[in-house]
C-alpha atoms as a PDB file:
ATOM      1  CA  MET A   1      42.063  63.229   8.120  1.00  0.00           C
ATOM      2  CA  ASN A   2      41.876  62.595   4.103  1.00  0.00           C
ATOM      3  CA  PRO A   3      39.797  59.816   3.134  1.00  0.00           C
ATOM      4  CA  VAL A   4      42.477  56.568   2.405  1.00  0.00           C
ATOM      5  CA  ASP A   5      43.669  57.605   6.003  1.00  0.00           C
ATOM      6  CA  LEU A   6      40.370  57.418   7.074  1.00  0.00           C
ATOM      7  CA  TYR A   7      39.985  53.884   5.646  1.00  0.00           C
ATOM      8  CA  VAL A   8      43.075  52.801   7.369  1.00  0.00           C
ATOM      9  CA  SER A   9      42.396  53.743  10.367  1.00  0.00           C
ATOM     10  CA  LEU A  10      38.918  52.136  10.803  1.00  0.00           C
ATOM     11  CA  TYR A  11      39.406  49.098   8.695  1.00  0.00           C
ATOM     12  CA  ARG A  12      43.135  48.595   9.133  1.00  0.00           C
ATOM     13  CA  PRO A  13      43.658  48.900  12.682  1.00  0.00           C
ATOM     14  CA  SER A  14      47.628  48.448  13.691  1.00  0.00           C
ATOM     15  CA  THR A  15      48.947  45.330  15.001  1.00  0.00           C
ATOM     16  CA  ALA A  16      49.567  46.020  18.301  1.00  0.00           C
ATOM     17  CA  SER A  17      45.861  47.557  18.982  1.00  0.00           C
ATOM     18  CA  GLN A  18      44.737  43.904  16.884  1.00  0.00           C
ATOM     19  CA  ALA A  19      46.949  41.871  19.347  1.00  0.00           C
ATOM     20  CA  ALA A  20      45.950  43.881  22.711  1.00  0.00           C
ATOM     21  CA  ALA A  21      42.209  43.009  21.447  1.00  0.00           C
ATOM     22  CA  LEU A  22      42.891  39.407  22.003  1.00  0.00           C
ATOM     23  CA  VAL A  23      43.444  39.683  25.659  1.00  0.00           C
ATOM     24  CA  GLU A  24      39.791  40.900  25.868  1.00  0.00           C
ATOM     25  CA  VAL A  25      38.370  38.534  23.382  1.00  0.00           C
ATOM     26  CA  GLY A  26      40.226  35.526  25.559  1.00  0.00           C
ATOM     27  CA  GLU A  27      38.700  36.801  28.635  1.00  0.00           C
ATOM     28  CA  GLY A  28      34.897  36.998  27.081  1.00  0.00           C
ATOM     29  CA  LEU A  29      35.330  33.194  25.469  1.00  0.00           C
ATOM     30  CA  GLN A  30      36.577  32.038  28.854  1.00  0.00           C
ATOM     31  CA  ARG A  31      33.276  33.892  30.444  1.00  0.00           C
ATOM     32  CA  GLN A  32      31.165  32.173  27.932  1.00  0.00           C
ATOM     33  CA  LEU A  33      32.380  28.969  27.961  1.00  0.00           C
ATOM     34  CA  GLU A  34      32.413  28.743  31.893  1.00  0.00           C
ATOM     35  CA  ASP A  35      28.830  30.024  31.235  1.00  0.00           C
ATOM     36  CA  LEU A  36      28.214  27.491  28.813  1.00  0.00           C
ATOM     37  CA  SER A  37      29.707  24.802  31.615  1.00  0.00           C
ATOM     38  CA  ARG A  38      27.535  25.776  34.484  1.00  0.00           C
ATOM     39  CA  ASP A  39      24.397  25.747  32.102  1.00  0.00           C
ATOM     40  CA  PRO A  40      24.606  24.236  29.029  1.00  0.00           C
ATOM     41  CA  THR A  41      22.050  24.831  26.655  1.00  0.00           C
ATOM     42  CA  PRO A  42      21.870  24.879  22.796  1.00  0.00           C
ATOM     43  CA  GLU A  43      21.314  28.386  22.476  1.00  0.00           C
ATOM     44  CA  ARG A  44      24.491  28.953  24.786  1.00  0.00           C
ATOM     45  CA  ALA A  45      26.340  26.580  22.872  1.00  0.00           C
ATOM     46  CA  GLU A  46      25.729  27.884  19.556  1.00  0.00           C
ATOM     47  CA  ALA A  47      26.851  31.685  20.687  1.00  0.00           C
ATOM     48  CA  VAL A  48      30.095  30.523  21.974  1.00  0.00           C
ATOM     49  CA  ALA A  49      30.243  28.475  18.998  1.00  0.00           C
ATOM     50  CA  ALA A  50      29.490  31.735  16.663  1.00  0.00           C
ATOM     51  CA  ASN A  51      32.180  33.810  19.040  1.00  0.00           C
ATOM     52  CA  LEU A  52      35.167  31.122  18.626  1.00  0.00           C
ATOM     53  CA  ALA A  53      34.522  31.506  14.950  1.00  0.00           C
ATOM     54  CA  GLY A  54      34.834  34.870  15.653  1.00  0.00           C
ATOM     55  CA  ALA A  55      38.138  34.546  17.427  1.00  0.00           C
ATOM     56  CA  GLN A  56      39.557  32.734  14.663  1.00  0.00           C
ATOM     57  CA  ARG A  57      38.348  35.570  12.153  1.00  0.00           C
ATOM     58  CA  ALA A  58      40.659  37.785  14.675  1.00  0.00           C
ATOM     59  CA  VAL A  59      43.650  35.802  14.907  1.00  0.00           C
ATOM     60  CA  LEU A  60      43.709  35.440  10.807  1.00  0.00           C
ATOM     61  CA  ARG A  61      43.576  38.800  10.549  1.00  0.00           C
ATOM     62  CA  LEU A  62      46.256  39.400  12.901  1.00  0.00           C
ATOM     63  CA  ARG A  63      48.460  36.800  11.117  1.00  0.00           C
ATOM     64  CA  GLU A  64      47.654  39.045   7.685  1.00  0.00           C
ATOM     65  CA  ALA A  65      48.710  42.368   9.193  1.00  0.00           C
ATOM     66  CA  LEU A  66      51.858  40.319  10.603  1.00  0.00           C
ATOM     67  CA  LEU A  67      52.935  39.159   7.095  1.00  0.00           C
ATOM     68  CA  THR A  68      51.855  42.286   5.031  1.00  0.00           C
ATOM     69  CA  ALA A  69      53.191  44.571   8.121  1.00  0.00           C
ATOM     70  CA  PRO A  70      56.507  46.642   7.376  1.00  0.00           C
ATOM     71  CA  GLN A  71      58.920  45.056  10.053  1.00  0.00           C
ATOM     72  CA  GLU A  72      59.442  48.066  11.817  1.00  0.00           C
ATOM     73  CA  ASP A  73      55.981  48.427  12.690  1.00  0.00           C
ATOM     74  CA  VAL A  74      56.033  45.071  14.539  1.00  0.00           C
ATOM     75  CA  ALA A  75      57.396  44.983  17.879  1.00  0.00           C
ATOM     76  CA  PRO A  76      57.420  41.720  19.921  1.00  0.00           C
END
């Protein structure tokens, strides 16, 4: 694999793989929010807030990929 292809595979995942990863992100956030609800602590709240910000970045990366991807790469 040439260096450009390697870079693309590592740093520009397909829209399909990005979208599929959101399921795991959502499940992880759900568990963290349930734990926070059961046992609220400042540390737990800070961790959840940081992970919510990470989820937002993941969604915005997917949005950017969808806007720049050739139409045939974007499957419903």
